[in-house]
Amino acid sequence: MKRRSFLKGMAGAAVVSRVPASRLLAAATSQQDTVRLQTFSYGAAKLLPGPLDEQFRHNQQLFLNLSEDSLLKPFRQAAGMAAPGEDMGGWYSYSDKFDPPKNMTGYIPGHTFGQYLSGLARAYAVTGDAATKAKVERLVAGFAPTVTTNFYKGYCLPAYTFEKTMCGLSDAYAIAGCHSALPVLQKATDAALPWLPPKALNREEMAARPHPNVSYTWDESYTLPENFYLAYKRGAGARYRALAQRFLQDDTYFNPLAEGKNVLPGQHAYSHVNALCSAMQAYLNDGSAKHLRAAQNGFRYVLEQSFATGGWGPGETFVTPGSDQLAKSLEKNHNSFETPCGAYGHFKITRYLLSVTGDSSYGDSMERVLYNTILGARPMRSDGVSFYYADYSMDAVKVDYEQKWPCCSGTFPQLTADYGLSAYFHDVSGVYVNLYIPSRLAWKQGGARVELEQQTEYPYDNNISMRLKMSSASRFALALRIPAWATGENRLLVNGKDAGVAVTAGTWAKVQREWRDGDRVEISFAFPAVLEPIDAAHRNLVALKVGPLALFAIQPGDTGLTQENLLKAARTSSRSKIWKVATSKGDVEMRPFDAITTERYRLYQKV
């Protein structure tokens, strides 16, 4: 049976819920009852000039200036409408060249439209920029008449693309205030449902179904629930909650994870981290402790096979615990970490887990990925050329991806718009500073209007300065994340005097007091140098870390590096991004990832 005939036969079943009535009728648990910390709204935190703001502004302007006709072209073509505008090319536009896996041109037409819409919606919410909101509204209006179930006929990844479309329309409605997006979401859902499977299918189950070519086995129905739940919470209706529950990948993923069974080896890395976010939404909406355990255990298994940068999934695949697969990947695999997508998924799951548990270690993990992966990504180009993989091989170099407009071009603008969202949290007692980044947070504390401004060049300066601007005095707690690596002499001052609270690695340092306009908070960390082996079986294969930064040997060659001389790495000046290691064969230059451009480099050194 051909895939199209099979799916048509399943169309009726695809819209019927297979979820037990007891789950459908379960009362949703209030999010305030299930989280310890909450994020602020988009726009509460503004990025100040610095590398994060530069990335965010670049992405905002790039997508603000993209041709709307080109963005809408694949959908207009599928709907039989006039389709002006140039093809965007790469993965985004239809092409007769598509021949997977040999030629991926024309792979998933229109696949990232929803992510570009989402990134713009979030950028508007952060900046209040009228032109960005107008772009969102025009894209929604232009997309609406193109919605047709015919779009998915002969389409290899219907769940994958619909999940992104759903996210974009949901964000346009709830975050950017584009009210017309909600009925378009309903119509888009009706168009996609006949092409979705009756339940979440893993790749082995997809491969067992009739498929015209291998690309049809790569669909990711198991990532759908997160955005179904979000649409439900945002007012799209009860069917979205039922659909979220239907597509939870309980049988092959969440059930074993909840029982402490590591089923990650061999799985596609990014999509399975992304799926953990669906488990968190099941916990937040349905009060499912099982899904919280699954997310916590799953993320722990990810951390146990991560590189020193915080990246994971060489060749987009999770490795087997206790094997030498991670170490061997350094010999031949240049696709070490799917950077924008992986960082986006990593930020999301750590934000969820930090909110629910209050555990500062999730902020540590977010920080590691921020400074050692995504801030070193090459900027996207207006023609769709994008950075995709970070290379951690023994002979590494930064390169862009071979195809234009890949998946990472969609997650990159979403991630950079979320930087402020990830930096601060709050509870009834006060505010938690999670990321040390140049930024300004505004909120109301009781009857007081409060602004907290961070000025810092962290992690290249270990001092962070904060100043409060307040309409009136107010008593609340200000909690600062103390990274687990910060085991040296840390210092926390309020108005130039010791804050009188413990500043202990791996905790929050919480200052509870009456705050007044002009109060200053200063925190500084000692940055220890440590060597981190790639795994327990390869103790002589190490990465040098200084504070939150992983350092890479530049043009390494046969370097004569030893444990002793690596730990004596010295920064060339107080404002430099270059460290030098003196060896018997001469000095070896070390740099963090964001200071590498075209040089060849090496993350792990044999000592």
Protein backbone atom coordinates (compact mmCIF):
# COMPACT_ATOMS: atom_id res chain seq x y z
CA MET A 1 0.00 0.00 0.00
CA LYS A 2 1.34 3.45 -0.89
CA ARG A 3 1.86 5.96 1.90
CA ARG A 4 -0.81 8.30 0.51
CA SER A 5 -3.44 5.55 0.36
CA PHE A 6 -2.47 4.37 3.82
CA LEU A 7 -2.78 7.87 5.26
CA LYS A 8 -6.12 8.49 3.57
CA GLY A 9 -7.36 5.30 5.10
CA MET A 10 -6.16 6.51 8.48
CA ALA A 11 -7.62 10.01 8.12
CA GLY A 12 -10.74 9.26 10.11
CA ALA A 13 -8.77 7.56 12.85
CA ALA A 14 -6.34 10.45 12.95
CA VAL A 15 -8.91 12.87 14.32
CA VAL A 16 -10.37 10.47 16.89
CA SER A 17 -8.81 10.65 20.32
CA ARG A 18 -7.17 7.46 21.56
CA VAL A 19 -6.60 8.97 25.00
CA PRO A 20 -8.30 7.29 27.98
CA ALA A 21 -11.31 9.22 29.23
CA SER A 22 -9.80 9.43 32.69
CA ARG A 23 -6.91 11.47 31.32
CA LEU A 24 -9.13 13.67 29.20
CA LEU A 25 -11.31 14.48 32.21
CA ALA A 26 -8.46 15.05 34.65
CA ALA A 27 -8.43 18.60 35.94
CA ALA A 28 -5.46 20.61 34.75
CA THR A 29 -3.11 21.41 37.59
CA SER A 30 -2.54 25.11 38.03
CA GLN A 31 0.94 26.06 36.86
CA GLN A 32 1.43 28.10 40.03
CA ASP A 33 0.92 24.90 42.03
CA THR A 34 3.57 23.00 40.08
CA VAL A 35 6.44 25.49 39.71
CA ARG A 36 8.78 27.06 42.23
CA LEU A 37 10.02 29.86 39.97
CA GLN A 38 8.33 31.63 37.09
CA THR A 39 9.70 33.46 34.11
CA PHE A 40 8.82 37.08 33.50
CA SER A 41 6.87 38.05 30.41
CA TYR A 42 8.61 38.82 27.14
CA GLY A 43 9.72 42.42 27.25
CA ALA A 44 10.31 42.59 30.99
CA ALA A 45 14.02 42.03 30.38
CA LYS A 46 15.79 44.13 27.76
CA LEU A 47 19.23 43.22 26.48
CA LEU A 48 21.82 45.98 26.71
CA PRO A 49 24.69 46.37 24.21
CA GLY A 50 26.86 43.27 24.14
CA PRO A 51 27.25 40.01 22.24
CA LEU A 52 23.78 38.64 23.09
CA ASP A 53 22.05 41.83 21.99
CA GLU A 54 24.16 41.88 18.82
CA GLN A 55 23.04 38.33 17.92
CA PHE A 56 19.41 39.13 18.70
CA ARG A 57 19.36 42.38 16.69
CA HIS A 58 21.07 40.72 13.72
CA ASN A 59 18.47 37.95 13.58
CA GLN A 60 15.56 40.34 14.07
CA GLN A 61 16.67 42.57 11.20
CA LEU A 62 17.43 39.64 8.91
CA PHE A 63 13.93 38.19 9.20
CA LEU A 64 12.25 41.58 9.25
CA ASN A 65 13.77 42.24 5.82
CA LEU A 66 13.00 38.86 4.22
CA SER A 67 10.62 38.90 1.26
CA GLU A 68 7.11 37.95 2.35
CA ASP A 69 6.33 36.63 -1.12
CA SER A 70 9.33 34.32 -0.93
CA LEU A 71 8.37 33.12 2.56
CA LEU A 72 4.81 32.37 1.44
CA LYS A 73 5.71 30.92 -1.95
CA PRO A 74 5.70 27.17 -1.10
CA PHE A 75 2.26 27.47 0.52
CA ARG A 76 0.81 29.47 -2.38
CA GLN A 77 2.20 26.94 -4.85
CA ALA A 78 0.60 24.05 -2.97
CA ALA A 79 -2.72 25.91 -2.86
CA GLY A 80 -2.68 26.58 -6.62
CA MET A 81 -2.43 30.33 -6.08
CA ALA A 82 -0.29 32.88 -7.86
CA ALA A 83 3.11 32.62 -6.20
CA PRO A 84 5.30 35.65 -6.91
CA GLY A 85 8.72 36.13 -5.39
CA GLU A 86 12.03 34.36 -5.73
CA ASP A 87 12.59 30.84 -4.46
CA MET A 88 14.51 30.88 -1.18
CA GLY A 89 16.26 27.66 -2.17
CA GLY A 90 17.89 25.06 0.03
CA TRP A 91 15.48 23.11 2.21
CA TYR A 92 12.76 25.75 1.92
CA SER A 93 11.68 25.68 -1.72
CA TYR A 94 10.32 22.90 -3.93
CA SER A 95 12.96 21.32 -6.12
CA ASP A 96 13.16 18.44 -8.57
CA LYS A 97 16.68 17.80 -7.27
CA PHE A 98 15.43 16.31 -4.00
CA ASP A 99 16.86 12.80 -3.77
CA PRO A 100 17.40 11.80 -0.14
CA PRO A 101 19.86 11.30 1.32
CA LYS A 102 22.13 12.17 -1.62
CA ASN A 103 20.63 15.59 -2.42
CA MET A 104 18.56 17.43 0.18
CA THR A 105 17.69 20.46 -1.95
CA GLY A 106 13.94 20.95 -1.67
CA TYR A 107 13.78 18.71 1.40
CA ILE A 108 10.93 20.30 3.41
CA PRO A 109 9.32 23.24 1.59
CA GLY A 110 8.09 25.93 3.97
CA HIS A 111 9.26 23.97 7.00
CA THR A 112 10.63 26.89 9.02
CA PHE A 113 7.95 29.46 8.19
CA GLY A 114 6.36 28.96 11.61
CA GLN A 115 9.69 29.39 13.38
CA TYR A 116 10.45 32.60 11.49
CA LEU A 117 6.98 33.84 12.46
CA SER A 118 7.59 32.80 16.07
CA GLY A 119 10.98 34.52 16.18
CA LEU A 120 9.43 37.75 14.87
CA ALA A 121 6.52 37.52 17.33
CA ARG A 122 8.95 37.13 20.22
CA ALA A 123 11.18 39.90 18.90
CA TYR A 124 8.18 42.24 18.81
CA ALA A 125 7.27 41.31 22.39
CA VAL A 126 10.84 42.02 23.49
CA THR A 127 11.26 45.34 21.66
CA GLY A 128 7.77 46.70 21.03
CA ASP A 129 8.92 47.49 17.50
CA ALA A 130 5.88 48.41 15.38
CA ALA A 131 7.47 47.29 12.11
CA THR A 132 8.10 43.82 13.54
CA LYS A 133 4.47 43.48 14.66
CA ALA A 134 3.25 44.65 11.26
CA LYS A 135 5.44 41.99 9.64
CA VAL A 136 3.87 39.33 11.87
CA GLU A 137 0.36 40.47 10.97
CA ARG A 138 1.12 40.56 7.23
CA LEU A 139 2.61 37.06 7.32
CA VAL A 140 -0.42 35.67 9.16
CA ALA A 141 -2.77 37.41 6.72
CA GLY A 142 -0.78 36.13 3.75
CA PHE A 143 -0.60 32.59 5.09
CA ALA A 144 -4.32 32.30 5.91
CA PRO A 145 -5.68 31.84 2.36
CA THR A 146 -2.97 29.30 1.51
CA VAL A 147 -3.98 26.81 4.20
CA THR A 148 -5.05 23.57 2.56
CA THR A 149 -4.73 19.91 3.37
CA ASN A 150 -3.24 19.49 -0.13
CA PHE A 151 -0.02 21.03 1.20
CA TYR A 152 0.79 17.74 2.92
CA LYS A 153 0.14 15.46 -0.05
CA GLY A 154 3.42 13.76 -0.87
CA TYR A 155 5.09 15.74 1.92
CA CYS A 156 7.72 13.78 3.81
CA LEU A 157 7.52 15.44 7.25
CA PRO A 158 3.96 16.63 7.97
CA ALA A 159 4.21 16.51 11.78
CA TYR A 160 7.61 18.20 11.75
CA THR A 161 6.44 21.17 9.69
CA PHE A 162 2.98 21.48 11.27
CA GLU A 163 4.53 21.60 14.74
CA LYS A 164 6.54 24.66 13.68
CA THR A 165 3.57 26.26 11.94
CA MET A 166 1.48 25.73 15.07
CA CYS A 167 4.20 27.31 17.21
CA GLY A 168 4.41 30.37 14.96
CA LEU A 169 0.66 30.98 14.84
CA SER A 170 0.29 30.37 18.57
CA ASP A 171 3.11 32.81 19.35
CA ALA A 172 1.73 35.38 16.91
CA TYR A 173 -1.57 35.27 18.78
CA ALA A 174 -0.42 35.02 22.39
CA ILE A 175 2.90 36.88 22.36
CA ALA A 176 2.51 39.43 19.56
CA GLY A 177 -1.24 40.06 20.02
CA CYS A 178 -2.15 39.15 16.43
CA HIS A 179 -5.77 38.07 17.07
CA SER A 180 -6.32 36.82 13.52
CA ALA A 181 -3.72 34.08 14.10
CA LEU A 182 -6.02 31.96 16.29
CA PRO A 183 -8.62 31.11 13.63
CA VAL A 184 -5.78 30.48 11.17
CA LEU A 185 -4.30 28.03 13.67
CA GLN A 186 -7.62 26.19 13.84
CA LYS A 187 -7.74 25.97 10.05
CA ALA A 188 -4.10 24.86 9.84
CA THR A 189 -4.76 22.15 12.43
CA ASP A 190 -7.72 20.82 10.43
CA ALA A 191 -5.51 20.74 7.32
CA ALA A 192 -2.72 18.79 9.03
CA LEU A 193 -4.66 16.26 11.10
CA PRO A 194 -5.46 13.81 8.27
CA TRP A 195 -1.74 13.44 7.65
CA LEU A 196 -0.70 12.76 11.23
CA PRO A 197 -0.38 9.23 12.61
CA PRO A 198 -2.83 7.94 15.25
CA LYS A 199 -0.12 8.27 17.93
CA ALA A 200 3.47 9.39 18.33
CA LEU A 201 5.75 7.15 16.28
CA ASN A 202 9.47 6.74 16.75
CA ARG A 203 11.75 6.36 13.76
CA GLU A 204 11.71 2.57 13.88
CA GLU A 205 7.91 2.62 13.75
CA MET A 206 8.01 5.16 10.91
CA ALA A 207 10.40 2.92 8.98
CA ALA A 208 7.98 0.01 9.34
CA ARG A 209 5.27 1.95 7.49
CA PRO A 210 5.11 2.20 3.70
CA HIS A 211 7.31 5.08 2.56
CA PRO A 212 8.36 6.34 -0.89
CA ASN A 213 11.87 7.20 0.31
CA VAL A 214 13.88 7.32 3.51
CA SER A 215 12.96 10.92 4.35
CA TYR A 216 9.43 9.79 5.24
CA THR A 217 10.87 7.82 8.16
CA TRP A 218 12.31 10.98 9.77
CA ASP A 219 9.08 12.66 10.85
CA GLU A 220 8.85 13.80 14.47
CA SER A 221 5.28 13.39 15.69
CA TYR A 222 6.67 12.89 19.20
CA THR A 223 7.54 16.63 19.44
CA LEU A 224 3.95 17.80 18.85
CA PRO A 225 2.57 17.83 22.43
CA GLU A 226 4.47 20.85 23.73
CA ASN A 227 2.85 23.23 21.26
CA PHE A 228 -0.52 21.49 21.43
CA TYR A 229 -0.49 22.10 25.19
CA LEU A 230 0.61 25.71 24.72
CA ALA A 231 -2.19 26.32 22.21
CA TYR A 232 -4.64 24.83 24.71
CA LYS A 233 -3.39 27.08 27.52
CA ARG A 234 -3.62 30.10 25.23
CA GLY A 235 -7.30 29.54 24.50
CA ALA A 236 -7.35 27.48 21.30
CA GLY A 237 -9.73 24.97 22.86
CA ALA A 238 -9.91 21.62 24.62
CA ARG A 239 -9.12 19.59 21.51
CA TYR A 240 -5.54 20.84 21.67
CA ARG A 241 -5.08 19.33 25.11
CA ALA A 242 -6.56 16.05 23.88
CA LEU A 243 -4.20 16.13 20.88
CA ALA A 244 -1.24 16.84 23.15
CA GLN A 245 -2.09 13.82 25.28
CA ARG A 246 -2.58 11.65 22.22
CA PHE A 247 0.91 12.36 20.90
CA LEU A 248 2.84 11.87 24.13
CA GLN A 249 5.46 9.23 23.34
CA ASP A 250 4.78 7.22 26.47
CA ASP A 251 5.25 3.67 25.23
CA THR A 252 8.78 3.90 23.84
CA TYR A 253 10.16 7.03 25.50
CA PHE A 254 8.53 8.59 28.55
CA ASN A 255 7.49 5.40 30.35
CA PRO A 256 10.98 3.86 30.31
CA LEU A 257 12.61 7.21 31.13
CA ALA A 258 10.31 7.63 34.12
CA GLU A 259 11.36 4.16 35.30
CA GLY A 260 15.05 5.11 35.10
CA LYS A 261 15.80 3.31 31.82
CA ASN A 262 18.12 5.15 29.47
CA VAL A 263 16.55 4.75 26.02
CA LEU A 264 18.44 7.66 24.43
CA PRO A 265 21.29 5.72 22.73
CA GLY A 266 20.86 5.68 18.96
CA GLN A 267 18.05 8.23 19.02
CA HIS A 268 18.05 11.50 17.07
CA ALA A 269 19.51 13.94 19.59
CA TYR A 270 17.81 17.32 19.18
CA SER A 271 14.27 16.08 18.61
CA HIS A 272 14.43 13.84 21.67
CA VAL A 273 15.65 16.69 23.88
CA ASN A 274 12.86 18.77 22.37
CA ALA A 275 10.40 16.00 23.23
CA LEU A 276 11.38 16.30 26.90
CA CYS A 277 9.69 19.72 26.76
CA SER A 278 6.44 17.92 25.89
CA ALA A 279 6.85 15.84 29.03
CA MET A 280 7.22 19.05 31.04
CA GLN A 281 4.02 20.44 29.53
CA ALA A 282 2.23 17.21 30.48
CA TYR A 283 3.35 17.83 34.04
CA LEU A 284 2.34 21.49 34.00
CA ASN A 285 -1.08 20.89 32.42
CA ASP A 286 -2.06 17.44 33.69
CA GLY A 287 -0.06 17.20 36.90
CA SER A 288 1.65 14.06 35.60
CA ALA A 289 4.51 13.23 37.98
CA LYS A 290 5.54 10.45 35.63
CA HIS A 291 6.29 12.92 32.88
CA LEU A 292 8.27 15.14 35.24
CA ARG A 293 10.41 12.12 36.20
CA ALA A 294 10.86 11.30 32.51
CA ALA A 295 12.07 14.81 31.74
CA GLN A 296 14.42 14.93 34.73
CA ASN A 297 15.89 11.50 34.02
CA GLY A 298 16.12 12.12 30.29
CA PHE A 299 17.98 15.38 30.75
CA ARG A 300 20.33 13.77 33.26
CA TYR A 301 21.18 11.12 30.67
CA VAL A 302 21.91 13.92 28.18
CA LEU A 303 24.28 15.62 30.62
CA GLU A 304 26.10 12.34 31.25
CA GLN A 305 27.15 12.20 27.59
CA SER A 306 27.83 15.86 26.94
CA PHE A 307 31.02 17.47 25.71
CA ALA A 308 32.88 20.00 27.86
CA THR A 309 31.06 22.75 25.96
CA GLY A 310 27.67 21.44 27.07
CA GLY A 311 26.94 20.27 23.51
CA TRP A 312 25.75 16.73 22.81
CA GLY A 313 24.76 14.30 20.08
CA PRO A 314 27.69 13.78 17.65
CA GLY A 315 26.28 13.06 14.22
CA GLU A 316 22.89 14.09 15.71
CA THR A 317 22.79 10.80 17.63
CA PHE A 318 22.99 9.95 21.32
CA VAL A 319 25.75 7.52 22.28
CA THR A 320 25.69 4.41 24.47
CA PRO A 321 26.67 4.98 28.12
CA GLY A 322 29.99 3.38 29.09
CA SER A 323 31.10 3.07 25.46
CA ASP A 324 33.92 4.94 23.76
CA GLN A 325 31.58 6.42 21.14
CA LEU A 326 31.92 10.01 22.37
CA ALA A 327 35.72 9.79 22.35
CA LYS A 328 35.76 8.06 18.96
CA SER A 329 33.57 10.80 17.51
CA LEU A 330 36.53 13.16 17.88
CA GLU A 331 38.51 11.12 15.36
CA LYS A 332 36.16 11.28 12.39
CA ASN A 333 32.95 13.20 13.12
CA HIS A 334 32.90 16.91 12.30
CA ASN A 335 29.19 17.21 13.13
CA SER A 336 29.58 17.25 16.89
CA PHE A 337 26.67 19.42 18.05
CA GLU A 338 23.66 20.70 16.12
CA THR A 339 24.25 24.14 17.57
CA PRO A 340 21.28 26.53 17.10
CA CYS A 341 18.69 23.73 17.32
CA GLY A 342 20.47 21.97 20.16
CA ALA A 343 20.99 25.19 22.14
CA TYR A 344 17.33 26.15 21.62
CA GLY A 345 16.15 22.80 22.93
CA HIS A 346 18.68 22.92 25.76
CA PHE A 347 17.54 26.38 26.86
CA LYS A 348 13.90 25.30 26.78
CA ILE A 349 14.27 22.15 28.84
CA THR A 350 16.58 23.81 31.39
CA ARG A 351 14.14 26.71 31.69
CA TYR A 352 11.28 24.29 32.37
CA LEU A 353 13.26 22.27 34.91
CA LEU A 354 14.62 25.35 36.64
CA SER A 355 11.09 26.73 36.96
CA VAL A 356 9.67 23.53 38.41
CA THR A 357 12.52 22.58 40.75
CA GLY A 358 14.30 25.84 41.53
CA ASP A 359 17.57 23.91 41.15
CA SER A 360 20.36 26.30 40.12
CA SER A 361 22.27 23.51 38.35
CA TYR A 362 19.91 23.90 35.39
CA GLY A 363 21.03 27.51 35.12
CA ASP A 364 24.64 26.32 35.19
CA SER A 365 23.89 24.02 32.27
CA MET A 366 22.22 26.82 30.34
CA GLU A 367 25.23 29.08 30.96
CA ARG A 368 27.65 26.42 29.70
CA VAL A 369 25.77 26.04 26.42
CA LEU A 370 25.39 29.81 26.02
CA TYR A 371 29.06 30.73 26.27
CA ASN A 372 30.60 27.65 24.67
CA THR A 373 28.25 26.96 21.76
CA ILE A 374 25.63 29.41 20.51
CA LEU A 375 27.51 32.67 21.14
CA GLY A 376 30.22 31.26 18.88
CA ALA A 377 27.83 30.46 16.03
CA ARG A 378 28.61 32.17 12.75
CA PRO A 379 25.98 34.84 11.93
CA MET A 380 23.19 33.86 9.55
CA ARG A 381 23.34 35.40 6.09
CA SER A 382 20.39 36.99 4.32
CA ASP A 383 20.55 34.33 1.60
CA GLY A 384 19.89 31.56 4.15
CA VAL A 385 23.45 30.34 4.63
CA SER A 386 23.51 29.19 8.24
CA PHE A 387 25.77 27.76 10.90
CA TYR A 388 24.60 24.26 11.82
CA TYR A 389 27.24 22.01 13.42
CA ALA A 390 29.92 22.80 15.96
CA ASP A 391 33.00 20.68 15.23
CA TYR A 392 34.85 19.19 18.21
CA SER A 393 37.05 16.82 16.22
CA MET A 394 40.81 16.66 16.61
CA ASP A 395 41.18 18.81 13.47
CA ALA A 396 38.24 21.19 13.65
CA VAL A 397 37.15 24.32 11.80
CA LYS A 398 34.00 26.44 11.73
CA VAL A 399 32.00 26.12 8.53
CA ASP A 400 28.46 26.95 7.45
CA TYR A 401 25.95 24.31 6.38
CA GLU A 402 25.85 23.15 2.78
CA GLN A 403 22.11 23.80 2.30
CA LYS A 404 20.37 27.16 2.69
CA TRP A 405 17.56 27.63 5.22
CA PRO A 406 18.09 24.46 7.26
CA CYS A 407 16.34 23.71 10.56
CA CYS A 408 18.90 25.74 12.53
CA SER A 409 17.87 28.87 10.63
CA GLY A 410 14.48 28.54 12.35
CA THR A 411 15.56 27.95 15.94
CA PHE A 412 18.29 30.61 15.92
CA PRO A 413 15.93 33.64 15.92
CA GLN A 414 13.67 31.96 18.48
CA LEU A 415 16.61 31.31 20.80
CA THR A 416 18.07 34.81 20.61
CA ALA A 417 14.65 36.35 21.29
CA ASP A 418 14.48 34.17 24.42
CA TYR A 419 17.76 35.37 25.94
CA GLY A 420 16.07 37.88 28.25
CA LEU A 421 13.34 35.39 29.15
CA SER A 422 16.00 32.94 30.35
CA ALA A 423 17.95 35.46 32.41
CA TYR A 424 15.52 36.14 35.27
CA PHE A 425 12.91 34.26 37.31
CA HIS A 426 10.70 35.21 40.22
CA ASP A 427 8.64 33.80 43.07
CA VAL A 428 6.56 35.36 45.83
CA SER A 429 9.70 36.32 47.75
CA GLY A 430 11.48 38.17 44.95
CA VAL A 431 13.71 37.91 41.89
CA TYR A 432 16.30 35.33 40.80
CA VAL A 433 19.20 36.34 38.53
CA ASN A 434 19.99 33.27 36.44
CA LEU A 435 22.27 34.63 33.69
CA TYR A 436 24.90 37.31 34.10
CA ILE A 437 24.35 39.31 30.94
CA PRO A 438 24.13 43.04 30.12
CA SER A 439 20.40 43.64 30.59
CA ARG A 440 17.69 45.60 32.34
CA LEU A 441 14.75 43.95 34.12
CA ALA A 442 11.60 45.93 34.98
CA TRP A 443 8.85 44.66 37.27
CA LYS A 444 6.48 45.64 40.06
CA GLN A 445 7.28 44.55 43.61
CA GLY A 446 4.30 45.28 45.80
CA GLY A 447 3.54 48.91 45.11
CA ALA A 448 7.04 49.74 43.86
CA ARG A 449 8.19 49.94 40.27
CA VAL A 450 11.64 48.38 40.10
CA GLU A 451 14.39 48.25 37.52
CA LEU A 452 17.48 46.08 37.91
CA GLU A 453 20.31 46.86 35.52
CA GLN A 454 23.24 44.50 35.01
CA GLN A 455 26.51 45.89 33.69
CA THR A 456 29.11 43.23 32.97
CA GLU A 457 31.51 41.77 30.46
CA TYR A 458 31.18 38.35 32.07
CA PRO A 459 32.59 35.77 31.41
CA TYR A 460 35.62 37.80 30.28
CA ASP A 461 35.39 39.85 33.45
CA ASN A 462 34.53 38.02 36.63
CA ASN A 463 32.84 41.08 38.15
CA ILE A 464 29.12 41.76 37.76
CA SER A 465 27.59 45.05 38.83
CA MET A 466 23.86 45.65 39.36
CA ARG A 467 21.99 48.82 40.23
CA LEU A 468 18.39 49.18 41.38
CA LYS A 469 16.10 51.98 40.31
CA MET A 470 12.94 52.11 42.45
CA SER A 471 9.88 54.32 42.72
CA SER A 472 9.75 53.58 46.46
CA ALA A 473 11.50 51.37 48.99
CA SER A 474 10.39 47.73 49.05
CA ARG A 475 11.41 44.60 50.90
CA PHE A 476 12.10 41.52 48.76
CA ALA A 477 14.73 38.88 48.08
CA LEU A 478 17.33 39.17 45.36
CA ALA A 479 18.80 35.73 44.63
CA LEU A 480 21.94 35.27 42.54
CA ARG A 481 22.96 31.98 40.96
CA ILE A 482 26.35 30.81 42.23
CA PRO A 483 27.71 28.38 39.61
CA ALA A 484 28.83 24.95 40.77
CA TRP A 485 32.26 25.58 39.25
CA ALA A 486 32.73 28.71 41.44
CA THR A 487 34.47 26.91 44.30
CA GLY A 488 37.04 29.63 45.01
CA GLU A 489 36.74 32.92 46.86
CA ASN A 490 33.51 34.55 45.72
CA ARG A 491 32.42 37.97 46.92
CA LEU A 492 28.96 39.55 47.19
CA LEU A 493 28.62 43.21 48.18
CA VAL A 494 25.61 45.47 48.71
CA ASN A 495 26.43 49.17 48.55
CA GLY A 496 30.11 48.32 48.92
CA LYS A 497 29.71 46.19 52.05
CA ASP A 498 29.66 42.42 52.50
CA ALA A 499 26.11 41.17 51.94
CA GLY A 500 26.36 38.85 54.94
CA VAL A 501 25.00 35.80 53.14
CA ALA A 502 26.64 32.54 52.08
CA VAL A 503 28.01 32.58 48.55
CA THR A 504 28.29 28.83 48.05
CA ALA A 505 28.93 27.10 44.74
CA GLY A 506 25.90 25.33 43.33
CA THR A 507 23.30 27.39 45.21
CA TRP A 508 21.41 30.67 45.11
CA ALA A 509 22.84 33.47 47.26
CA LYS A 510 19.69 35.19 48.52
CA VAL A 511 19.81 38.70 49.93
CA GLN A 512 16.57 39.57 51.73
CA ARG A 513 16.33 43.25 52.70
CA GLU A 514 14.53 46.50 52.15
CA TRP A 515 15.85 47.82 48.87
CA ARG A 516 16.02 51.50 48.00
CA ASP A 517 16.53 53.53 44.86
CA GLY A 518 20.20 53.53 43.84
CA ASP A 519 21.21 50.41 45.79
CA ARG A 520 24.18 48.63 44.23
CA VAL A 521 24.94 44.91 44.16
CA GLU A 522 28.33 43.56 43.11
CA ILE A 523 29.31 39.94 42.78
CA SER A 524 32.62 38.48 41.68
CA PHE A 525 33.79 34.93 41.15
CA ALA A 526 37.17 33.26 41.20
CA PHE A 527 37.62 31.43 37.89
CA PRO A 528 39.36 28.10 38.59
CA ALA A 529 41.17 26.23 35.82
CA VAL A 530 40.16 22.57 35.56
CA LEU A 531 40.68 19.71 33.13
CA GLU A 532 37.57 17.81 32.09
CA PRO A 533 38.11 14.36 30.50
CA ILE A 534 35.79 13.36 27.72
CA ASP A 535 34.74 10.25 29.65
CA ALA A 536 35.89 8.03 32.49
CA ALA A 537 37.76 5.66 30.17
CA HIS A 538 39.84 8.41 28.50
CA ARG A 539 41.33 10.37 31.39
CA ASN A 540 44.20 11.55 29.18
CA LEU A 541 41.84 13.23 26.69
CA VAL A 542 40.92 16.50 28.38
CA ALA A 543 39.40 19.90 27.75
CA LEU A 544 40.67 22.97 29.59
CA LYS A 545 37.97 25.00 31.32
CA VAL A 546 38.43 28.34 33.04
CA GLY A 547 35.34 29.31 34.99
CA PRO A 548 32.38 28.84 32.62
CA LEU A 549 34.56 28.84 29.48
CA ALA A 550 35.93 25.89 27.54
CA LEU A 551 39.18 26.83 25.80
CA PHE A 552 40.25 25.50 22.40
CA ALA A 553 43.84 25.05 21.24
CA ILE A 554 44.41 27.08 18.06
CA GLN A 555 46.36 25.54 15.16
CA PRO A 556 47.41 22.87 17.67
CA GLY A 557 49.68 20.48 15.76
CA ASP A 558 52.02 18.41 17.94
CA THR A 559 51.84 20.70 20.92
CA GLY A 560 53.62 19.12 23.88
CA LEU A 561 50.67 19.87 26.14
CA THR A 562 50.58 18.29 29.59
CA GLN A 563 48.14 18.43 32.47
CA GLU A 564 50.57 20.63 34.37
CA ASN A 565 51.14 23.23 31.67
CA LEU A 566 47.46 23.35 30.66
CA LEU A 567 46.48 24.23 34.22
CA LYS A 568 48.99 27.12 34.10
CA ALA A 569 47.32 28.69 31.06
CA ALA A 570 47.63 32.48 31.36
CA ARG A 571 45.47 35.16 29.78
CA THR A 572 47.53 37.52 27.63
CA SER A 573 45.84 40.60 29.12
CA SER A 574 42.89 41.42 31.37
CA ARG A 575 40.63 42.21 28.38
CA SER A 576 41.96 39.59 26.00
CA LYS A 577 40.15 36.50 24.73
CA ILE A 578 43.46 34.71 24.27
CA TRP A 579 45.22 32.44 26.75
CA LYS A 580 48.75 31.09 26.28
CA VAL A 581 50.13 27.75 27.46
CA ALA A 582 53.92 27.50 27.67
CA THR A 583 55.19 24.09 26.53
CA SER A 584 58.55 22.56 25.73
CA LYS A 585 57.71 23.11 22.05
CA GLY A 586 56.67 26.73 22.38
CA ASP A 587 53.53 28.62 23.34
CA VAL A 588 50.12 27.22 22.45
CA GLU A 589 47.31 29.71 21.98
CA MET A 590 43.91 28.91 23.53
CA ARG A 591 40.64 30.69 22.80
CA PRO A 592 36.96 30.36 23.70
CA PHE A 593 34.57 29.34 20.94
CA ASP A 594 33.24 32.83 20.24
CA ALA A 595 36.78 34.11 19.58
CA ILE A 596 37.42 31.55 16.82
CA THR A 597 36.80 32.58 13.21
CA THR A 598 38.65 30.70 10.46
CA GLU A 599 41.44 29.11 12.54
CA ARG A 600 41.76 25.37 12.94
CA TYR A 601 41.26 24.33 16.55
CA ARG A 602 41.00 21.43 18.98
CA LEU A 603 38.77 21.13 22.06
CA TYR A 604 40.26 17.98 23.62
CA GLN A 605 44.00 17.63 24.19
CA LYS A 606 45.94 14.38 24.62
CA VAL A 607 48.07 14.67 27.75
